[in-house]
Amino acid sequence: MFLYEYHCKECDHVFNLLNSVERRHEAQCPKCDRQATKKISEGRFKLPGHDTGFPTAADKWARQHRKANKRELQELGIPTD
């Protein structure tokens, strides 16, 4: 069972419904009891490299190594702050 988003063209009602994959295109509007159509919703996946606002494992690793090698980085002219 998956949660799908539907739109009723008759009363302009938008609603979510838990439905099976086989019956995902079949839904009755709970407001006017007419046939509703399934909306195409945005995906729930994130692409690699997409900024979520949270540090990734690579960010944490880089921060640890920057602290450990601060003197060497400063000698090379690489900012450490």
C-alpha atoms as a PDB file:
ATOM      1  CA  MET A   1       0.000   0.000   0.000  1.00  0.00           C
ATOM      2  CA  PHE A   2       1.245   3.450  -0.920  1.00  0.00           C
ATOM      3  CA  LEU A   3       0.064   6.966  -0.153  1.00  0.00           C
ATOM      4  CA  TYR A   4      -1.110   8.720  -3.319  1.00  0.00           C
ATOM      5  CA  GLU A   5      -2.332  12.262  -3.892  1.00  0.00           C
ATOM      6  CA  TYR A   6      -5.581  12.761  -5.827  1.00  0.00           C
ATOM      7  CA  HIS A   7      -7.482  15.709  -7.295  1.00  0.00           C
ATOM      8  CA  CYS A   8     -11.215  15.879  -7.936  1.00  0.00           C
ATOM      9  CA  LYS A   9     -12.008  17.970 -11.003  1.00  0.00           C
ATOM     10  CA  GLU A  10     -15.662  18.349 -10.001  1.00  0.00           C
ATOM     11  CA  CYS A  11     -15.198  20.034  -6.602  1.00  0.00           C
ATOM     12  CA  ASP A  12     -11.452  20.883  -6.847  1.00  0.00           C
ATOM     13  CA  HIS A  13     -10.714  18.876  -3.683  1.00  0.00           C
ATOM     14  CA  VAL A  14      -7.140  17.555  -3.200  1.00  0.00           C
ATOM     15  CA  PHE A  15      -6.690  14.577  -0.869  1.00  0.00           C
ATOM     16  CA  ASN A  16      -4.335  11.722   0.026  1.00  0.00           C
ATOM     17  CA  LEU A  17      -5.375   8.084  -0.033  1.00  0.00           C
ATOM     18  CA  LEU A  18      -3.659   4.857   0.934  1.00  0.00           C
ATOM     19  CA  ASN A  19      -4.096   2.614  -2.110  1.00  0.00           C
ATOM     20  CA  SER A  20      -2.563  -0.474  -3.705  1.00  0.00           C
ATOM     21  CA  VAL A  21      -0.335  -0.216  -6.766  1.00  0.00           C
ATOM     22  CA  GLU A  22      -2.929  -2.057  -8.867  1.00  0.00           C
ATOM     23  CA  ARG A  23      -5.716   0.339  -7.866  1.00  0.00           C
ATOM     24  CA  ARG A  24      -3.665   3.554  -7.725  1.00  0.00           C
ATOM     25  CA  HIS A  25      -5.673   5.195 -10.546  1.00  0.00           C
ATOM     26  CA  GLU A  26      -9.032   4.407  -8.899  1.00  0.00           C
ATOM     27  CA  ALA A  27     -10.245   6.811  -6.217  1.00  0.00           C
ATOM     28  CA  GLN A  28     -13.513   8.390  -5.158  1.00  0.00           C
ATOM     29  CA  CYS A  29     -13.558  11.935  -3.855  1.00  0.00           C
ATOM     30  CA  PRO A  30     -14.551  11.911  -0.158  1.00  0.00           C
ATOM     31  CA  LYS A  31     -16.281  15.290  -0.584  1.00  0.00           C
ATOM     32  CA  CYS A  32     -18.530  14.747  -3.621  1.00  0.00           C
ATOM     33  CA  ASP A  33     -18.134  10.965  -4.239  1.00  0.00           C
ATOM     34  CA  ARG A  34     -17.059  11.464  -7.873  1.00  0.00           C
ATOM     35  CA  GLN A  35     -14.074   9.936  -9.661  1.00  0.00           C
ATOM     36  CA  ALA A  36     -10.767  11.636  -8.826  1.00  0.00           C
ATOM     37  CA  THR A  37      -7.503  11.555 -10.781  1.00  0.00           C
ATOM     38  CA  LYS A  38      -4.083  10.737  -9.362  1.00  0.00           C
ATOM     39  CA  LYS A  39      -1.709  13.694  -9.174  1.00  0.00           C
ATOM     40  CA  ILE A  40       1.950  13.396 -10.076  1.00  0.00           C
ATOM     41  CA  SER A  41       3.736  14.319  -6.861  1.00  0.00           C
ATOM     42  CA  GLU A  42       7.354  15.255  -6.316  1.00  0.00           C
ATOM     43  CA  GLY A  43       9.764  12.431  -5.608  1.00  0.00           C
ATOM     44  CA  ARG A  44      11.084  11.583  -2.173  1.00  0.00           C
ATOM     45  CA  PHE A  45      14.688  10.825  -3.161  1.00  0.00           C
ATOM     46  CA  LYS A  46      17.738  13.042  -2.932  1.00  0.00           C
ATOM     47  CA  LEU A  47      20.572  13.097  -5.429  1.00  0.00           C
ATOM     48  CA  PRO A  48      24.155  12.756  -4.210  1.00  0.00           C
ATOM     49  CA  GLY A  49      25.680  16.162  -3.642  1.00  0.00           C
ATOM     50  CA  HIS A  50      22.312  17.774  -2.965  1.00  0.00           C
ATOM     51  CA  ASP A  51      22.668  20.222  -0.074  1.00  0.00           C
ATOM     52  CA  THR A  52      20.417  19.104   2.768  1.00  0.00           C
ATOM     53  CA  GLY A  53      21.872  21.516   5.307  1.00  0.00           C
ATOM     54  CA  PHE A  54      23.344  18.673   7.344  1.00  0.00           C
ATOM     55  CA  PRO A  55      27.034  17.717   7.260  1.00  0.00           C
ATOM     56  CA  THR A  56      27.837  14.578   5.312  1.00  0.00           C
ATOM     57  CA  ALA A  57      30.328  11.931   6.366  1.00  0.00           C
ATOM     58  CA  ALA A  58      32.842  13.499   3.955  1.00  0.00           C
ATOM     59  CA  ASP A  59      32.353  16.917   5.603  1.00  0.00           C
ATOM     60  CA  LYS A  60      32.963  15.436   9.054  1.00  0.00           C
ATOM     61  CA  TRP A  61      36.068  13.560   7.853  1.00  0.00           C
ATOM     62  CA  ALA A  62      37.467  16.711   6.227  1.00  0.00           C
ATOM     63  CA  ARG A  63      36.844  18.785   9.374  1.00  0.00           C
ATOM     64  CA  GLN A  64      38.676  16.229  11.557  1.00  0.00           C
ATOM     65  CA  HIS A  65      41.654  16.089   9.208  1.00  0.00           C
ATOM     66  CA  ARG A  66      41.769  19.868   8.867  1.00  0.00           C
ATOM     67  CA  LYS A  67      42.092  20.153  12.651  1.00  0.00           C
ATOM     68  CA  ALA A  68      44.743  17.441  12.794  1.00  0.00           C
ATOM     69  CA  ASN A  69      46.836  19.000   9.999  1.00  0.00           C
ATOM     70  CA  LYS A  70      46.268  22.689  10.773  1.00  0.00           C
ATOM     71  CA  ARG A  71      49.975  23.594  10.904  1.00  0.00           C
ATOM     72  CA  GLU A  72      50.761  21.818   7.617  1.00  0.00           C
ATOM     73  CA  LEU A  73      47.778  23.440   5.906  1.00  0.00           C
ATOM     74  CA  GLN A  74      48.826  26.903   7.113  1.00  0.00           C
ATOM     75  CA  GLU A  75      52.331  26.303   5.741  1.00  0.00           C
ATOM     76  CA  LEU A  76      50.793  25.518   2.348  1.00  0.00           C
ATOM     77  CA  GLY A  77      48.665  28.698   2.518  1.00  0.00           C
ATOM     78  CA  ILE A  78      45.356  26.843   2.786  1.00  0.00           C
ATOM     79  CA  PRO A  79      42.802  28.563   5.095  1.00  0.00           C
ATOM     80  CA  THR A  80      41.859  26.479   8.144  1.00  0.00           C
ATOM     81  CA  ASP A  81      38.944  28.506   9.529  1.00  0.00           C
END
